[in-house]
C-alpha cells in the first residue's frame, strides 16, 4: 500500500506538471497572437486614416519584427513539443538557450539540433537575427524625417501660395471697398485654410518627433522581449518533466 500510494502520488505530480507545461505553452502562443492582432489593428487604422508614413514605417517593421523573432520562438516551441526526444540521453534542446544564442553565438544549434541538421537551423536563426535588427532603425529614423518633409511640402504647395496671393489681393480690395459678398466669403475661407496650414507648420518640431519615435521604439522592442520570461518558466518546467 505504501509503494502504490507513492507511485500514485508521483504519477499525479507528473500529470500536474505536464498540465502546467501545456498551459504555459498555450499562453505563450496566445500572447504572441494577441500582440500580432494589435499590430494588425494598428495597420488597419493607419490605412483607413490615410497615414502612409505610419503604415510603412511603424506597422510594417513592427509586424516583421514580431513575426520574425516571436513567430520563430513559437515555431521552436511547437517543434520541441511534437518531436520525440526519447533517442536523446539528455533532455531536448533548451528553447531559451537557443534564443539567447541567436545574437550571442551566431545561432549555434548546439550538440542536438532542434530540427533538421545544424546548418539549416543556424541559417534560419541568422536570418531571424538580421531581419529583427533591420526593423529597429526602420522604426526609429525614417518617420521623423518623412514627417518633416511632408509638412514642408504641405506648406510650400502651389495651392497655398495661390491662396496667399489671393488673400493679399482681397485684402487690398477690402480696403478700397471693391468686393462683393461672394468674394468676402471666399476670402474668409482662404484665410482660414491658410492659417490652419501655417499653424501646423509652426507647431511641428522635428526634435519632438524624433524623441517621440525614440520612445515608441524603446517601448516596443523591450516590451516585446519581456515575453521571454514566460518561455523561461515554461522551459524550466519542461526540463523537469522531460
Protein backbone atom coordinates (compact mmCIF):
# COMPACT_ATOMS: atom_id res chain seq x y z
CA UNK A 1 0.00 0.00 0.00
CA UNK A 2 2.82 2.39 0.83
CA UNK A 3 4.58 1.83 -2.51
CA UNK A 4 1.34 2.03 -4.51
CA UNK A 5 0.46 5.32 -2.82
CA UNK A 6 3.92 6.65 -3.57
CA UNK A 7 3.63 5.66 -7.23
CA UNK A 8 0.17 7.25 -7.41
CA UNK A 9 1.49 10.45 -5.85
CA UNK A 10 4.42 10.56 -8.31
CA UNK A 11 2.08 9.96 -11.25
CA UNK A 12 -0.30 12.71 -10.13
CA UNK A 13 2.60 15.11 -9.70
CA UNK A 14 3.87 14.33 -13.21
CA UNK A 15 0.38 14.84 -14.65
CA UNK A 16 0.10 18.15 -12.80
CA UNK A 17 3.48 19.30 -14.15
CA UNK A 18 2.53 18.25 -17.68
CA UNK A 19 -0.78 20.14 -17.45
CA UNK A 20 1.01 23.29 -16.30
CA UNK A 21 3.53 22.94 -19.13
CA UNK A 22 0.74 22.73 -21.70
CA UNK A 23 -0.95 25.78 -20.17
CA UNK A 24 2.28 27.78 -20.29
CA UNK A 25 2.90 26.76 -23.91
CA UNK A 26 -0.59 27.78 -24.98
CA UNK A 27 -0.33 31.06 -23.04
CA UNK A 28 2.89 32.00 -24.86
CA UNK A 29 1.40 31.24 -28.27
CA UNK A 30 -1.86 33.06 -27.49
CA UNK A 31 0.07 36.05 -26.07
CA UNK A 32 2.09 36.48 -29.24
CA UNK A 33 -1.08 36.06 -31.30
CA UNK A 34 -2.75 38.87 -29.32
CA UNK A 35 0.22 41.15 -29.94
CA UNK A 36 0.05 40.37 -33.64
CA UNK A 37 -3.66 41.16 -33.67
CA UNK A 38 -2.99 44.54 -32.01
CA UNK A 39 -0.32 45.37 -34.58
CA UNK A 40 -2.67 44.41 -37.43
CA UNK A 41 -5.39 46.69 -36.00
CA UNK A 42 -2.83 49.50 -35.84
CA UNK A 43 -2.04 48.97 -39.51
CA UNK A 44 -5.74 48.96 -40.44
CA UNK A 45 -6.23 52.24 -38.57
CA UNK A 46 -3.30 53.82 -40.40
CA UNK A 47 -4.73 52.60 -43.69
CA UNK A 48 -8.23 53.88 -43.02
CA UNK A 49 -6.96 57.27 -41.78
CA UNK A 50 -4.72 57.55 -44.87
CA UNK A 51 -1.44 57.78 -42.97
CA UNK A 52 1.09 56.07 -45.26
CA UNK A 53 4.06 57.07 -43.08
CA UNK A 54 2.57 55.32 -40.03
CA UNK A 55 1.69 52.31 -42.17
CA UNK A 56 5.07 51.79 -43.85
CA UNK A 57 7.39 52.96 -41.09
CA UNK A 58 5.61 51.74 -37.95
CA UNK A 59 3.16 48.98 -38.80
CA UNK A 60 5.27 47.12 -41.37
CA UNK A 61 8.55 46.96 -39.35
CA UNK A 62 6.68 46.11 -36.14
CA UNK A 63 4.83 43.30 -37.90
CA UNK A 64 8.03 41.92 -39.46
CA UNK A 65 9.87 42.14 -36.12
CA UNK A 66 7.10 40.31 -34.28
CA UNK A 67 6.70 37.59 -36.90
CA UNK A 68 10.45 37.11 -37.35
CA UNK A 69 11.50 36.74 -33.72
CA UNK A 70 8.45 35.66 -31.74
CA UNK A 71 6.92 33.73 -34.60
CA UNK A 72 10.17 31.80 -34.77
CA UNK A 73 10.03 31.30 -30.99
CA UNK A 74 6.52 29.82 -31.26
CA UNK A 75 7.72 27.61 -34.11
CA UNK A 76 10.54 26.24 -31.95
CA UNK A 77 8.19 25.61 -29.02
CA UNK A 78 5.78 23.64 -31.21
CA UNK A 79 8.62 21.69 -32.86
CA UNK A 80 10.02 20.71 -29.47
CA UNK A 81 6.63 19.54 -28.26
CA UNK A 82 5.81 17.40 -31.30
CA UNK A 83 9.29 15.84 -31.58
CA UNK A 84 10.12 12.56 -29.87
CA UNK A 85 13.29 13.10 -27.84
CA UNK A 86 13.45 9.58 -26.43
CA UNK A 87 16.51 8.84 -28.57
CA UNK A 88 18.47 11.57 -26.75
CA UNK A 89 20.09 10.62 -23.46
CA UNK A 90 19.59 14.12 -22.08
CA UNK A 91 16.57 16.40 -22.42
CA UNK A 92 15.80 18.10 -25.71
CA UNK A 93 17.48 21.42 -26.59
CA UNK A 94 16.52 24.36 -24.41
CA UNK A 95 14.47 26.97 -26.28
CA UNK A 96 15.67 29.84 -24.10
CA UNK A 97 19.28 28.79 -24.69
CA UNK A 98 18.70 28.72 -28.44
CA UNK A 99 17.05 32.16 -28.38
CA UNK A 100 19.88 33.69 -26.36
CA UNK A 101 22.38 32.02 -28.67
CA UNK A 102 20.92 33.69 -31.76
CA UNK A 103 22.63 37.08 -31.10
CA UNK A 104 25.45 35.83 -28.83
CA UNK A 105 26.62 32.65 -30.53
CA UNK A 106 25.58 33.19 -34.12
CA UNK A 107 22.57 30.86 -33.73
CA UNK A 108 24.72 27.88 -32.78
CA UNK A 109 22.34 24.85 -32.63
CA UNK A 110 24.43 23.03 -30.04
CA UNK A 111 25.12 19.31 -29.89
CA UNK A 112 21.49 18.34 -30.61
CA UNK A 113 19.72 20.42 -33.31
CA UNK A 114 16.08 21.22 -32.73
CA UNK A 115 15.13 20.47 -36.34
CA UNK A 116 16.95 19.40 -39.47
CA UNK A 117 20.71 19.45 -39.34
CA UNK A 118 22.71 22.13 -37.57
CA UNK A 119 23.43 24.19 -40.68
CA UNK A 120 19.76 24.73 -41.56
CA UNK A 121 18.86 25.81 -38.04
CA UNK A 122 21.86 28.14 -37.87
CA UNK A 123 20.99 29.76 -41.22
CA UNK A 124 17.37 30.33 -40.19
CA UNK A 125 18.48 31.81 -36.87
CA UNK A 126 20.83 34.25 -38.59
CA UNK A 127 18.07 35.34 -40.97
CA UNK A 128 15.79 35.97 -37.97
CA UNK A 129 18.55 37.98 -36.25
CA UNK A 130 19.35 40.21 -39.24
CA UNK A 131 15.66 40.77 -40.00
CA UNK A 132 14.98 41.85 -36.41
CA UNK A 133 17.99 44.19 -36.40
CA UNK A 134 16.92 45.86 -39.66
CA UNK A 135 13.46 46.59 -38.25
CA UNK A 136 14.81 48.68 -35.34
CA UNK A 137 16.34 51.55 -37.41
CA UNK A 138 13.45 51.20 -39.83
CA UNK A 139 11.07 52.13 -36.98
CA UNK A 140 13.40 54.72 -35.47
CA UNK A 141 14.84 57.02 -38.14
CA UNK A 142 12.58 57.28 -41.17
CA UNK A 143 9.28 58.54 -39.74
CA UNK A 144 10.52 61.88 -38.26
CA UNK A 145 12.37 62.79 -41.46
CA UNK A 146 9.40 61.97 -43.67
CA UNK A 147 7.02 63.86 -41.40
CA UNK A 148 9.19 66.94 -41.70
CA UNK A 149 9.30 66.64 -45.48
CA UNK A 150 5.54 66.17 -45.72
CA UNK A 151 4.89 69.29 -43.64
CA UNK A 152 7.27 71.34 -45.78
CA UNK A 153 5.55 70.14 -48.94
CA UNK A 154 2.16 70.95 -47.47
CA UNK A 155 3.25 74.49 -46.63
CA UNK A 156 5.01 75.09 -49.94
CA UNK A 157 2.33 73.60 -52.17
CA UNK A 158 1.07 75.78 -55.09
CA UNK A 159 -2.49 75.90 -53.76
CA UNK A 160 -1.31 77.53 -50.56
CA UNK A 161 0.84 80.07 -52.40
CA UNK A 162 -2.13 80.84 -54.65
CA UNK A 163 -4.35 81.34 -51.60
CA UNK A 164 -1.69 83.64 -50.14
CA UNK A 165 -1.71 85.78 -53.28
CA UNK A 166 -5.50 85.79 -53.41
CA UNK A 167 -5.64 86.72 -49.76
CA UNK A 168 -3.38 89.72 -50.28
CA UNK A 169 -5.41 90.79 -53.33
CA UNK A 170 -8.71 90.53 -51.50
CA UNK A 171 -7.32 92.41 -48.53
CA UNK A 172 -6.35 95.28 -50.85
CA UNK A 173 -9.80 95.27 -52.40
CA UNK A 174 -11.43 95.26 -48.98
CA UNK A 175 -9.60 98.42 -48.09
CA UNK A 176 -10.88 100.16 -51.22
CA UNK A 177 -14.36 98.61 -50.94
CA UNK A 178 -14.11 96.76 -54.28
CA UNK A 179 -15.51 93.33 -53.33
CA UNK A 180 -18.91 91.73 -53.09
CA UNK A 181 -20.33 89.16 -50.64
CA UNK A 182 -19.07 86.17 -52.66
CA UNK A 183 -15.51 87.45 -52.69
CA UNK A 184 -15.80 88.19 -48.99
CA UNK A 185 -16.84 84.60 -48.22
CA UNK A 186 -14.06 83.23 -50.42
CA UNK A 187 -11.55 85.47 -48.70
CA UNK A 188 -12.64 84.21 -45.28
CA UNK A 189 -12.37 80.56 -46.41
CA UNK A 190 -8.93 81.08 -47.89
CA UNK A 191 -7.85 82.94 -44.77
CA UNK A 192 -8.93 80.06 -42.51
CA UNK A 193 -7.19 77.45 -44.70
CA UNK A 194 -4.02 79.48 -44.79
CA UNK A 195 -3.96 79.98 -41.02
CA UNK A 196 -4.56 76.27 -40.36
CA UNK A 197 -1.64 75.25 -42.55
CA UNK A 198 0.59 77.93 -41.08
CA UNK A 199 -0.34 76.77 -37.59
CA UNK A 200 0.65 73.21 -38.48
CA UNK A 201 3.99 74.45 -39.68
CA UNK A 202 4.54 76.47 -36.52
CA UNK A 203 3.62 73.63 -34.16
CA UNK A 204 5.67 70.91 -35.85
CA UNK A 205 9.03 70.35 -34.14
CA UNK A 206 11.47 67.88 -35.63
CA UNK A 207 13.16 67.28 -32.26
CA UNK A 208 9.83 66.38 -30.65
CA UNK A 209 9.08 63.96 -33.47
CA UNK A 210 12.47 62.31 -33.01
CA UNK A 211 12.03 62.00 -29.24
CA UNK A 212 8.54 60.55 -29.69
CA UNK A 213 9.80 57.97 -32.16
CA UNK A 214 12.70 57.01 -29.88
CA UNK A 215 10.25 56.42 -27.03
CA UNK A 216 7.96 54.46 -29.35
CA UNK A 217 10.79 52.18 -30.48
CA UNK A 218 12.25 51.72 -27.00
CA UNK A 219 8.83 50.82 -25.61
CA UNK A 220 8.03 48.38 -28.40
CA UNK A 221 11.23 46.34 -28.57
CA UNK A 222 11.97 45.74 -24.84
CA UNK A 223 8.29 45.18 -24.03
CA UNK A 224 8.22 42.54 -26.74
CA UNK A 225 11.34 40.89 -25.36
CA UNK A 226 9.76 40.64 -21.89
CA UNK A 227 7.71 37.78 -23.29
CA UNK A 228 10.86 35.71 -22.95
CA UNK A 229 10.12 35.41 -19.23
CA UNK A 230 7.14 33.18 -19.98
CA UNK A 231 9.15 30.77 -22.16
CA UNK A 232 11.79 30.69 -19.40
CA UNK A 233 9.26 29.43 -16.84
CA UNK A 234 7.82 27.09 -19.41
CA UNK A 235 11.13 25.56 -20.38
CA UNK A 236 12.19 25.09 -16.77
CA UNK A 237 9.02 23.11 -16.23
CA UNK A 238 9.56 21.13 -19.41
CA UNK A 239 13.09 20.24 -18.33
CA UNK A 240 11.72 18.93 -15.03
CA UNK A 241 9.07 16.83 -16.70
CA UNK A 242 11.25 15.52 -19.56
